[in-house]
Amino acid sequence: ETFGGTEGKTVLSKQVATEKKLREITSDKDGFGKLTIPRL
């Protein structure tokens, strides 16, 4: 967002500290995985 993106629209950012949370993101193939915007 600092570098010009709009969080939730043109970019998406998340923080994880557990494998469970990481798994939720990497297994979300129809949501997070299908996005074509920069995501961190």
PDB file of all heavy atoms in Angstrom:
ATOM      1  N   GLU A   1       0.833  -1.195   0.000  1.00  0.00           N
ATOM      2  CA  GLU A   1       0.000   0.000   0.000  1.00  0.00           C
ATOM      3  C   GLU A   1       0.872   1.252   0.000  1.00  0.00           C
ATOM      4  O   GLU A   1       0.583   2.234  -0.691  1.00  0.00           O
ATOM      5  CB  GLU A   1      -0.935  -0.001   1.206  1.00  0.00           C
ATOM      6  CG  GLU A   1      -2.014   1.060   1.132  1.00  0.00           C
ATOM      7  CD  GLU A   1      -3.129   0.818   2.137  1.00  0.00           C
ATOM      8  OE1 GLU A   1      -2.887   0.113   3.132  1.00  0.00           O
ATOM      9  OE2 GLU A   1      -4.230   1.341   1.905  1.00  0.00           O
ATOM     10  N   THR A   2       1.979   1.217   0.750  1.00  0.00           N
ATOM     11  CA  THR A   2       2.908   2.352   0.771  1.00  0.00           C
ATOM     12  C   THR A   2       3.455   2.636  -0.621  1.00  0.00           C
ATOM     13  O   THR A   2       3.643   3.796  -1.007  1.00  0.00           O
ATOM     14  CB  THR A   2       4.074   2.065   1.738  1.00  0.00           C
ATOM     15  OG1 THR A   2       3.555   1.883   3.050  1.00  0.00           O
ATOM     16  CG2 THR A   2       5.099   3.185   1.725  1.00  0.00           C
ATOM     17  N   PHE A   3       3.678   1.577  -1.384  1.00  0.00           N
ATOM     18  CA  PHE A   3       4.236   1.739  -2.728  1.00  0.00           C
ATOM     19  C   PHE A   3       3.155   1.931  -3.784  1.00  0.00           C
ATOM     20  O   PHE A   3       3.411   1.718  -4.970  1.00  0.00           O
ATOM     21  CB  PHE A   3       5.135   0.551  -3.077  1.00  0.00           C
ATOM     22  CG  PHE A   3       6.488   0.614  -2.429  1.00  0.00           C
ATOM     23  CD1 PHE A   3       6.782  -0.141  -1.303  1.00  0.00           C
ATOM     24  CD2 PHE A   3       7.476   1.431  -2.944  1.00  0.00           C
ATOM     25  CE1 PHE A   3       8.028  -0.078  -0.700  1.00  0.00           C
ATOM     26  CE2 PHE A   3       8.727   1.501  -2.352  1.00  0.00           C
ATOM     27  CZ  PHE A   3       9.004   0.752  -1.224  1.00  0.00           C
ATOM     28  N   GLY A   4       1.963   2.317  -3.374  1.00  0.00           N
ATOM     29  CA  GLY A   4       0.975   2.755  -4.349  1.00  0.00           C
ATOM     30  C   GLY A   4      -0.238   1.886  -4.516  1.00  0.00           C
ATOM     31  O   GLY A   4      -1.144   2.232  -5.285  1.00  0.00           O
ATOM     32  N   GLY A   5      -0.299   0.743  -3.822  1.00  0.00           N
ATOM     33  CA  GLY A   5      -1.446  -0.140  -3.965  1.00  0.00           C
ATOM     34  C   GLY A   5      -2.600   0.253  -3.058  1.00  0.00           C
ATOM     35  O   GLY A   5      -2.442   1.042  -2.125  1.00  0.00           O
ATOM     36  N   THR A   6      -3.753  -0.295  -3.339  1.00  0.00           N
ATOM     37  CA  THR A   6      -4.927  -0.128  -2.484  1.00  0.00           C
ATOM     38  C   THR A   6      -5.237  -1.487  -1.863  1.00  0.00           C
ATOM     39  O   THR A   6      -5.630  -2.422  -2.566  1.00  0.00           O
ATOM     40  CB  THR A   6      -6.139   0.373  -3.285  1.00  0.00           C
ATOM     41  OG1 THR A   6      -5.809   1.624  -3.906  1.00  0.00           O
ATOM     42  CG2 THR A   6      -7.347   0.567  -2.375  1.00  0.00           C
ATOM     43  N   GLU A   7      -5.006  -1.605  -0.553  1.00  0.00           N
ATOM     44  CA  GLU A   7      -5.142  -2.886   0.135  1.00  0.00           C
ATOM     45  C   GLU A   7      -6.555  -3.439  -0.053  1.00  0.00           C
ATOM     46  O   GLU A   7      -7.556  -2.756   0.149  1.00  0.00           O
ATOM     47  CB  GLU A   7      -4.818  -2.735   1.624  1.00  0.00           C
ATOM     48  CG  GLU A   7      -4.883  -4.024   2.420  1.00  0.00           C
ATOM     49  CD  GLU A   7      -3.904  -5.092   1.928  1.00  0.00           C
ATOM     50  OE1 GLU A   7      -2.771  -4.736   1.503  1.00  0.00           O
ATOM     51  OE2 GLU A   7      -4.272  -6.277   1.946  1.00  0.00           O
ATOM     52  N   GLY A   8      -6.601  -4.709  -0.435  1.00  0.00           N
ATOM     53  CA  GLY A   8      -7.873  -5.387  -0.640  1.00  0.00           C
ATOM     54  C   GLY A   8      -8.459  -5.199  -2.019  1.00  0.00           C
ATOM     55  O   GLY A   8      -9.433  -5.867  -2.373  1.00  0.00           O
ATOM     56  N   LYS A   9      -7.873  -4.286  -2.813  1.00  0.00           N
ATOM     57  CA  LYS A   9      -8.376  -4.060  -4.164  1.00  0.00           C
ATOM     58  C   LYS A   9      -7.294  -4.329  -5.219  1.00  0.00           C
ATOM     59  O   LYS A   9      -7.435  -5.235  -6.029  1.00  0.00           O
ATOM     60  CB  LYS A   9      -8.903  -2.623  -4.301  1.00  0.00           C
ATOM     61  CG  LYS A   9     -10.164  -2.347  -3.489  1.00  0.00           C
ATOM     62  CD  LYS A   9     -10.713  -0.955  -3.759  1.00  0.00           C
ATOM     63  CE  LYS A   9     -11.180  -0.797  -5.193  1.00  0.00           C
ATOM     64  NZ  LYS A   9     -11.775   0.554  -5.425  1.00  0.00           N
ATOM     65  N   THR A  10      -6.237  -3.533  -5.188  1.00  0.00           N
ATOM     66  CA  THR A  10      -5.173  -3.721  -6.176  1.00  0.00           C
ATOM     67  C   THR A  10      -3.999  -4.515  -5.621  1.00  0.00           C
ATOM     68  O   THR A  10      -3.142  -4.954  -6.387  1.00  0.00           O
ATOM     69  CB  THR A  10      -4.664  -2.370  -6.700  1.00  0.00           C
ATOM     70  OG1 THR A  10      -4.080  -1.634  -5.616  1.00  0.00           O
ATOM     71  CG2 THR A  10      -5.790  -1.570  -7.311  1.00  0.00           C
ATOM     72  N   VAL A  11      -3.950  -4.687  -4.299  1.00  0.00           N
ATOM     73  CA  VAL A  11      -2.922  -5.503  -3.652  1.00  0.00           C
ATOM     74  C   VAL A  11      -3.571  -6.217  -2.467  1.00  0.00           C
ATOM     75  O   VAL A  11      -4.645  -5.824  -1.999  1.00  0.00           O
ATOM     76  CB  VAL A  11      -1.724  -4.659  -3.158  1.00  0.00           C
ATOM     77  CG1 VAL A  11      -1.029  -3.962  -4.315  1.00  0.00           C
ATOM     78  CG2 VAL A  11      -2.161  -3.644  -2.110  1.00  0.00           C
ATOM     79  N   LEU A  12      -2.882  -7.251  -1.976  1.00  0.00           N
ATOM     80  CA  LEU A  12      -3.385  -7.974  -0.805  1.00  0.00           C
ATOM     81  C   LEU A  12      -2.197  -8.405   0.045  1.00  0.00           C
ATOM     82  O   LEU A  12      -1.206  -8.929  -0.476  1.00  0.00           O
ATOM     83  CB  LEU A  12      -4.188  -9.204  -1.224  1.00  0.00           C
ATOM     84  CG  LEU A  12      -4.897  -9.966  -0.096  1.00  0.00           C
ATOM     85  CD1 LEU A  12      -5.964  -9.099   0.565  1.00  0.00           C
ATOM     86  CD2 LEU A  12      -5.524 -11.251  -0.629  1.00  0.00           C
ATOM     87  N   SER A  13      -2.286  -8.172   1.357  1.00  0.00           N
ATOM     88  CA  SER A  13      -1.186  -8.498   2.272  1.00  0.00           C
ATOM     89  C   SER A  13      -1.713  -9.232   3.495  1.00  0.00           C
ATOM     90  O   SER A  13      -2.785  -8.889   4.019  1.00  0.00           O
ATOM     91  CB  SER A  13      -0.466  -7.211   2.713  1.00  0.00           C
ATOM     92  OG  SER A  13      -0.005  -6.481   1.602  1.00  0.00           O
ATOM     93  N   LYS A  14      -0.948 -10.223   3.957  1.00  0.00           N
ATOM     94  CA  LYS A  14      -1.326 -10.986   5.137  1.00  0.00           C
ATOM     95  C   LYS A  14      -0.072 -11.305   5.945  1.00  0.00           C
ATOM     96  O   LYS A  14       1.036 -11.350   5.410  1.00  0.00           O
ATOM     97  CB  LYS A  14      -2.027 -12.292   4.751  1.00  0.00           C
ATOM     98  CG  LYS A  14      -3.371 -12.107   4.036  1.00  0.00           C
ATOM     99  CD  LYS A  14      -3.960 -13.439   3.621  1.00  0.00           C
ATOM    100  CE  LYS A  14      -5.306 -13.279   2.917  1.00  0.00           C
ATOM    101  NZ  LYS A  14      -6.362 -12.822   3.829  1.00  0.00           N
ATOM    102  N   GLN A  15      -0.271 -11.564   7.244  1.00  0.00           N
ATOM    103  CA  GLN A  15       0.821 -12.022   8.108  1.00  0.00           C
ATOM    104  C   GLN A  15       0.406 -13.328   8.751  1.00  0.00           C
ATOM    105  O   GLN A  15      -0.737 -13.479   9.216  1.00  0.00           O
ATOM    106  CB  GLN A  15       1.137 -10.996   9.193  1.00  0.00           C
ATOM    107  CG  GLN A  15       2.329 -11.394  10.066  1.00  0.00           C
ATOM    108  CD  GLN A  15       2.485 -10.513  11.292  1.00  0.00           C
ATOM    109  OE1 GLN A  15       1.719 -10.640  12.250  1.00  0.00           O
ATOM    110  NE2 GLN A  15       3.463  -9.613  11.259  1.00  0.00           N
ATOM    111  N   VAL A  16       1.325 -14.296   8.801  1.00  0.00           N
ATOM    112  CA  VAL A  16       1.040 -15.577   9.447  1.00  0.00           C
ATOM    113  C   VAL A  16       2.204 -15.944  10.361  1.00  0.00           C
ATOM    114  O   VAL A  16       3.364 -15.675  10.051  1.00  0.00           O
ATOM    115  CB  VAL A  16       0.806 -16.710   8.423  1.00  0.00           C
ATOM    116  CG1 VAL A  16      -0.420 -16.417   7.568  1.00  0.00           C
ATOM    117  CG2 VAL A  16       2.025 -16.924   7.534  1.00  0.00           C
ATOM    118  N   ALA A  17       1.860 -16.561  11.487  1.00  0.00           N
ATOM    119  CA  ALA A  17       2.884 -17.014  12.433  1.00  0.00           C
ATOM    120  C   ALA A  17       2.693 -18.479  12.792  1.00  0.00           C
ATOM    121  O   ALA A  17       3.451 -19.012  13.605  1.00  0.00           O
ATOM    122  CB  ALA A  17       2.847 -16.164  13.702  1.00  0.00           C
ATOM    123  N   THR A  18       1.681 -19.124  12.215  1.00  0.00           N
ATOM    124  CA  THR A  18       1.444 -20.546  12.461  1.00  0.00           C
ATOM    125  C   THR A  18       1.272 -21.262  11.137  1.00  0.00           C
ATOM    126  O   THR A  18       0.829 -20.665  10.136  1.00  0.00           O
ATOM    127  CB  THR A  18       0.185 -20.766  13.316  1.00  0.00           C
ATOM    128  OG1 THR A  18      -0.969 -20.357  12.565  1.00  0.00           O
ATOM    129  CG2 THR A  18       0.263 -19.988  14.620  1.00  0.00           C
ATOM    130  N   GLU A  19       1.586 -22.536  11.121  1.00  0.00           N
ATOM    131  CA  GLU A  19       1.421 -23.293   9.888  1.00  0.00           C
ATOM    132  C   GLU A  19      -0.052 -23.388   9.500  1.00  0.00           C
ATOM    133  O   GLU A  19      -0.394 -23.402   8.316  1.00  0.00           O
ATOM    134  CB  GLU A  19       2.019 -24.694  10.020  1.00  0.00           C
ATOM    135  CG  GLU A  19       1.991 -25.421   8.684  1.00  0.00           C
ATOM    136  CD  GLU A  19       2.419 -26.867   8.762  1.00  0.00           C
ATOM    137  OE1 GLU A  19       2.560 -27.406   9.865  1.00  0.00           O
ATOM    138  OE2 GLU A  19       2.613 -27.466   7.674  1.00  0.00           O
ATOM    139  N   LYS A  20      -0.923 -23.433  10.482  1.00  0.00           N
ATOM    140  CA  LYS A  20      -2.356 -23.512  10.184  1.00  0.00           C
ATOM    141  C   LYS A  20      -2.792 -22.316   9.349  1.00  0.00           C
ATOM    142  O   LYS A  20      -3.512 -22.457   8.348  1.00  0.00           O
ATOM    143  CB  LYS A  20      -3.161 -23.580  11.486  1.00  0.00           C
ATOM    144  CG  LYS A  20      -4.662 -23.647  11.259  1.00  0.00           C
ATOM    145  CD  LYS A  20      -5.420 -23.675  12.577  1.00  0.00           C
ATOM    146  CE  LYS A  20      -6.931 -23.693  12.338  1.00  0.00           C
ATOM    147  NZ  LYS A  20      -7.689 -23.677  13.621  1.00  0.00           N
ATOM    148  N   LYS A  21      -2.358 -21.116   9.746  1.00  0.00           N
ATOM    149  CA  LYS A  21      -2.724 -19.911   9.008  1.00  0.00           C
ATOM    150  C   LYS A  21      -2.087 -19.904   7.616  1.00  0.00           C
ATOM    151  O   LYS A  21      -2.703 -19.469   6.625  1.00  0.00           O
ATOM    152  CB  LYS A  21      -2.300 -18.664   9.783  1.00  0.00           C
ATOM    153  CG  LYS A  21      -3.113 -18.423  11.055  1.00  0.00           C
ATOM    154  CD  LYS A  21      -4.561 -18.091  10.729  1.00  0.00           C
ATOM    155  CE  LYS A  21      -5.347 -17.741  11.982  1.00  0.00           C
ATOM    156  NZ  LYS A  21      -6.786 -17.478  11.666  1.00  0.00           N
ATOM    157  N   LEU A  22      -0.841 -20.383   7.539  1.00  0.00           N
ATOM    158  CA  LEU A  22      -0.182 -20.459   6.244  1.00  0.00           C
ATOM    159  C   LEU A  22      -0.914 -21.431   5.332  1.00  0.00           C
ATOM    160  O   LEU A  22      -1.144 -21.153   4.149  1.00  0.00           O
ATOM    161  CB  LEU A  22       1.277 -20.889   6.422  1.00  0.00           C
ATOM    162  CG  LEU A  22       2.099 -21.050   5.134  1.00  0.00           C
ATOM    163  CD1 LEU A  22       2.191 -19.735   4.366  1.00  0.00           C
ATOM    164  CD2 LEU A  22       3.498 -21.585   5.457  1.00  0.00           C
ATOM    165  N   ARG A  23      -1.332 -22.553   5.888  1.00  0.00           N
ATOM    166  CA  ARG A  23      -2.052 -23.563   5.113  1.00  0.00           C
ATOM    167  C   ARG A  23      -3.372 -23.015   4.588  1.00  0.00           C
ATOM    168  O   ARG A  23      -3.786 -23.331   3.471  1.00  0.00           O
ATOM    169  CB  ARG A  23      -2.283 -24.804   5.977  1.00  0.00           C
ATOM    170  CG  ARG A  23      -3.107 -25.915   5.345  1.00  0.00           C
ATOM    171  CD  ARG A  23      -2.393 -26.576   4.187  1.00  0.00           C
ATOM    172  NE  ARG A  23      -1.153 -27.211   4.573  1.00  0.00           N
ATOM    173  CZ  ARG A  23      -0.323 -27.812   3.715  1.00  0.00           C
ATOM    174  NH1 ARG A  23      -0.617 -27.829   2.436  1.00  0.00           N
ATOM    175  NH2 ARG A  23       0.803 -28.368   4.135  1.00  0.00           N
ATOM    176  N   GLU A  24      -4.038 -22.192   5.383  1.00  0.00           N
ATOM    177  CA  GLU A  24      -5.307 -21.602   4.944  1.00  0.00           C
ATOM    178  C   GLU A  24      -5.105 -20.768   3.683  1.00  0.00           C
ATOM    179  O   GLU A  24      -5.961 -20.745   2.792  1.00  0.00           O
ATOM    180  CB  GLU A  24      -5.903 -20.734   6.059  1.00  0.00           C
ATOM    181  CG  GLU A  24      -6.456 -21.531   7.240  1.00  0.00           C
ATOM    182  CD  GLU A  24      -6.917 -20.621   8.375  1.00  0.00           C
ATOM    183  OE1 GLU A  24      -6.816 -19.374   8.222  1.00  0.00           O
ATOM    184  OE2 GLU A  24      -7.367 -21.151   9.402  1.00  0.00           O
ATOM    185  N   ILE A  25      -3.973 -20.081   3.610  1.00  0.00           N
ATOM    186  CA  ILE A  25      -3.695 -19.244   2.444  1.00  0.00           C
ATOM    187  C   ILE A  25      -3.271 -20.079   1.244  1.00  0.00           C
ATOM    188  O   ILE A  25      -3.801 -19.924   0.137  1.00  0.00           O
ATOM    189  CB  ILE A  25      -2.602 -18.207   2.791  1.00  0.00           C
ATOM    190  CG1 ILE A  25      -3.135 -17.202   3.813  1.00  0.00           C
ATOM    191  CG2 ILE A  25      -2.102 -17.498   1.543  1.00  0.00           C
ATOM    192  CD1 ILE A  25      -2.082 -16.277   4.370  1.00  0.00           C
ATOM    193  N   THR A  26      -2.325 -20.979   1.436  1.00  0.00           N
ATOM    194  CA  THR A  26      -1.789 -21.739   0.302  1.00  0.00           C
ATOM    195  C   THR A  26      -2.790 -22.748  -0.250  1.00  0.00           C
ATOM    196  O   THR A  26      -2.676 -23.165  -1.408  1.00  0.00           O
ATOM    197  CB  THR A  26      -0.494 -22.462   0.701  1.00  0.00           C
ATOM    198  OG1 THR A  26      -0.748 -23.319   1.833  1.00  0.00           O
ATOM    199  CG2 THR A  26       0.592 -21.463   1.070  1.00  0.00           C
ATOM    200  N   SER A  27      -3.760 -23.146   0.557  1.00  0.00           N
ATOM    201  CA  SER A  27      -4.765 -24.111   0.079  1.00  0.00           C
ATOM    202  C   SER A  27      -5.985 -23.420  -0.525  1.00  0.00           C
ATOM    203  O   SER A  27      -6.868 -24.083  -1.073  1.00  0.00           O
ATOM    204  CB  SER A  27      -5.206 -25.030   1.225  1.00  0.00           C
ATOM    205  OG  SER A  27      -5.822 -24.285   2.263  1.00  0.00           O
ATOM    206  N   ASP A  28      -6.035 -22.080  -0.440  1.00  0.00           N
ATOM    207  CA  ASP A  28      -7.182 -21.330  -0.952  1.00  0.00           C
ATOM    208  C   ASP A  28      -7.000 -21.080  -2.451  1.00  0.00           C
ATOM    209  O   ASP A  28      -6.788 -19.956  -2.900  1.00  0.00           O
ATOM    210  CB  ASP A  28      -7.315 -20.007  -0.183  1.00  0.00           C
ATOM    211  CG  ASP A  28      -8.551 -19.218  -0.585  1.00  0.00           C
ATOM    212  OD1 ASP A  28      -9.427 -19.797  -1.260  1.00  0.00           O
ATOM    213  OD2 ASP A  28      -8.636 -18.022  -0.232  1.00  0.00           O
ATOM    214  N   LYS A  29      -7.113 -22.139  -3.224  1.00  0.00           N
ATOM    215  CA  LYS A  29      -6.797 -22.055  -4.650  1.00  0.00           C
ATOM    216  C   LYS A  29      -7.852 -21.282  -5.440  1.00  0.00           C
ATOM    217  O   LYS A  29      -7.555 -20.723  -6.496  1.00  0.00           O
ATOM    218  CB  LYS A  29      -6.628 -23.466  -5.223  1.00  0.00           C
ATOM    219  CG  LYS A  29      -5.517 -24.258  -4.527  1.00  0.00           C
ATOM    220  CD  LYS A  29      -5.213 -25.537  -5.236  1.00  0.00           C
ATOM    221  CE  LYS A  29      -4.223 -26.419  -4.476  1.00  0.00           C
ATOM    222  NZ  LYS A  29      -3.033 -25.740  -4.026  1.00  0.00           N
ATOM    223  N   ASP A  30      -9.078 -21.241  -4.959  1.00  0.00           N
ATOM    224  CA  ASP A  30     -10.131 -20.518  -5.669  1.00  0.00           C
ATOM    225  C   ASP A  30     -10.251 -19.065  -5.215  1.00  0.00           C
ATOM    226  O   ASP A  30     -11.005 -18.297  -5.806  1.00  0.00           O
ATOM    227  CB  ASP A  30     -11.481 -21.224  -5.483  1.00  0.00           C
ATOM    228  CG  ASP A  30     -11.506 -22.588  -6.142  1.00  0.00           C
ATOM    229  OD1 ASP A  30     -10.870 -22.726  -7.198  1.00  0.00           O
ATOM    230  OD2 ASP A  30     -12.143 -23.508  -5.599  1.00  0.00           O
ATOM    231  N   GLY A  31      -9.542 -18.715  -4.162  1.00  0.00           N
ATOM    232  CA  GLY A  31      -9.572 -17.343  -3.668  1.00  0.00           C
ATOM    233  C   GLY A  31      -8.230 -16.696  -3.834  1.00  0.00           C
ATOM    234  O   GLY A  31      -7.917 -16.128  -4.881  1.00  0.00           O
ATOM    235  N   PHE A  32      -7.381 -16.809  -2.816  1.00  0.00           N
ATOM    236  CA  PHE A  32      -6.048 -16.200  -2.840  1.00  0.00           C
ATOM    237  C   PHE A  32      -5.254 -16.658  -4.056  1.00  0.00           C
ATOM    238  O   PHE A  32      -4.585 -15.859  -4.713  1.00  0.00           O
ATOM    239  CB  PHE A  32      -5.311 -16.574  -1.543  1.00  0.00           C
ATOM    240  CG  PHE A  32      -3.989 -15.895  -1.377  1.00  0.00           C
ATOM    241  CD1 PHE A  32      -3.905 -14.648  -0.774  1.00  0.00           C
ATOM    242  CD2 PHE A  32      -2.817 -16.501  -1.812  1.00  0.00           C
ATOM    243  CE1 PHE A  32      -2.676 -14.012  -0.612  1.00  0.00           C
ATOM    244  CE2 PHE A  32      -1.586 -15.884  -1.654  1.00  0.00           C
ATOM    245  CZ  PHE A  32      -1.521 -14.632  -1.051  1.00  0.00           C
ATOM    246  N   GLY A  33      -5.326 -17.938  -4.375  1.00  0.00           N
ATOM    247  CA  GLY A  33      -4.524 -18.474  -5.472  1.00  0.00           C
ATOM    248  C   GLY A  33      -4.946 -17.997  -6.843  1.00  0.00           C
ATOM    249  O   GLY A  33      -4.160 -18.031  -7.786  1.00  0.00           O
ATOM    250  N   LYS A  34      -6.198 -17.556  -6.995  1.00  0.00           N
ATOM    251  CA  LYS A  34      -6.686 -17.128  -8.303  1.00  0.00           C
ATOM    252  C   LYS A  34      -6.518 -15.634  -8.545  1.00  0.00           C
ATOM    253  O   LYS A  34      -6.755 -15.154  -9.648  1.00  0.00           O
ATOM    254  CB  LYS A  34      -8.165 -17.507  -8.465  1.00  0.00           C
ATOM    255  CG  LYS A  34      -8.371 -18.944  -8.927  1.00  0.00           C
ATOM    256  CD  LYS A  34      -9.763 -19.139  -9.474  1.00  0.00           C
ATOM    257  CE  LYS A  34      -9.880 -20.522 -10.121  1.00  0.00           C
ATOM    258  NZ  LYS A  34     -11.237 -20.741 -10.668  1.00  0.00           N
ATOM    259  N   LEU A  35      -6.151 -14.899  -7.511  1.00  0.00           N
ATOM    260  CA  LEU A  35      -5.924 -13.471  -7.685  1.00  0.00           C
ATOM    261  C   LEU A  35      -4.774 -13.231  -8.652  1.00  0.00           C
ATOM    262  O   LEU A  35      -3.836 -14.040  -8.745  1.00  0.00           O
ATOM    263  CB  LEU A  35      -5.615 -12.808  -6.344  1.00  0.00           C
ATOM    264  CG  LEU A  35      -6.722 -12.841  -5.278  1.00  0.00           C
ATOM    265  CD1 LEU A  35      -6.184 -12.304  -3.964  1.00  0.00           C
ATOM    266  CD2 LEU A  35      -7.921 -12.029  -5.737  1.00  0.00           C
ATOM    267  N   THR A  36      -4.814 -12.148  -9.381  1.00  0.00           N
ATOM    268  CA  THR A  36      -3.726 -11.818 -10.311  1.00  0.00           C
ATOM    269  C   THR A  36      -3.052 -10.503  -9.942  1.00  0.00           C
ATOM    270  O   THR A  36      -2.302  -9.946 -10.728  1.00  0.00           O
ATOM    271  CB  THR A  36      -4.260 -11.719 -11.757  1.00  0.00           C
ATOM    272  OG1 THR A  36      -5.291 -10.733 -11.806  1.00  0.00           O
ATOM    273  CG2 THR A  36      -4.814 -13.057 -12.217  1.00  0.00           C
ATOM    274  N   ILE A  37      -3.312 -10.010  -8.724  1.00  0.00           N
ATOM    275  CA  ILE A  37      -2.706  -8.776  -8.233  1.00  0.00           C
ATOM    276  C   ILE A  37      -1.479  -9.111  -7.398  1.00  0.00           C
ATOM    277  O   ILE A  37      -1.322 -10.252  -6.938  1.00  0.00           O
ATOM    278  CB  ILE A  37      -3.717  -7.967  -7.385  1.00  0.00           C
ATOM    279  CG1 ILE A  37      -4.214  -8.822  -6.202  1.00  0.00           C
ATOM    280  CG2 ILE A  37      -4.879  -7.502  -8.243  1.00  0.00           C
ATOM    281  CD1 ILE A  37      -5.155  -8.078  -5.256  1.00  0.00           C
ATOM    282  N   PRO A  38      -0.578  -8.160  -7.174  1.00  0.00           N
ATOM    283  CA  PRO A  38       0.539  -8.419  -6.258  1.00  0.00           C
ATOM    284  C   PRO A  38       0.014  -8.743  -4.864  1.00  0.00           C
ATOM    285  O   PRO A  38      -0.887  -8.071  -4.344  1.00  0.00           O
ATOM    286  CB  PRO A  38       1.310  -7.087  -6.255  1.00  0.00           C
ATOM    287  CG  PRO A  38       0.922  -6.404  -7.518  1.00  0.00           C
ATOM    288  CD  PRO A  38      -0.502  -6.800  -7.767  1.00  0.00           C
ATOM    289  N   ARG A  39       0.561  -9.800  -4.248  1.00  0.00           N
ATOM    290  CA  ARG A  39       0.135 -10.173  -2.902  1.00  0.00           C
ATOM    291  C   ARG A  39       1.339 -10.607  -2.085  1.00  0.00           C
ATOM    292  O   ARG A  39       2.260 -11.223  -2.626  1.00  0.00           O
ATOM    293  CB  ARG A  39      -0.938 -11.241  -2.915  1.00  0.00           C
ATOM    294  CG  ARG A  39      -0.708 -12.399  -3.855  1.00  0.00           C
ATOM    295  CD  ARG A  39      -1.999 -12.690  -4.619  1.00  0.00           C
ATOM    296  NE  ARG A  39      -1.960 -13.927  -5.370  1.00  0.00           N
ATOM    297  CZ  ARG A  39      -1.618 -13.969  -6.669  1.00  0.00           C
ATOM    298  NH1 ARG A  39      -1.230 -12.871  -7.302  1.00  0.00           N
ATOM    299  NH2 ARG A  39      -1.651 -15.120  -7.323  1.00  0.00           N
ATOM    300  N   LEU A  40       1.310 -10.257  -0.818  1.00  0.00           N
ATOM    301  CA  LEU A  40       2.449 -10.487   0.061  1.00  0.00           C
ATOM    302  C   LEU A  40       1.977 -11.208   1.311  1.00  0.00           C
ATOM    303  O   LEU A  40       1.008 -10.778   1.952  1.00  0.00           O
ATOM    304  CB  LEU A  40       3.122  -9.163   0.417  1.00  0.00           C
ATOM    305  CG  LEU A  40       4.383  -9.205   1.284  1.00  0.00           C
ATOM    306  CD1 LEU A  40       5.305  -8.036   0.938  1.00  0.00           C
ATOM    307  CD2 LEU A  40       4.074  -9.175   2.778  1.00  0.00           C
TER     308      LEU A  40
END
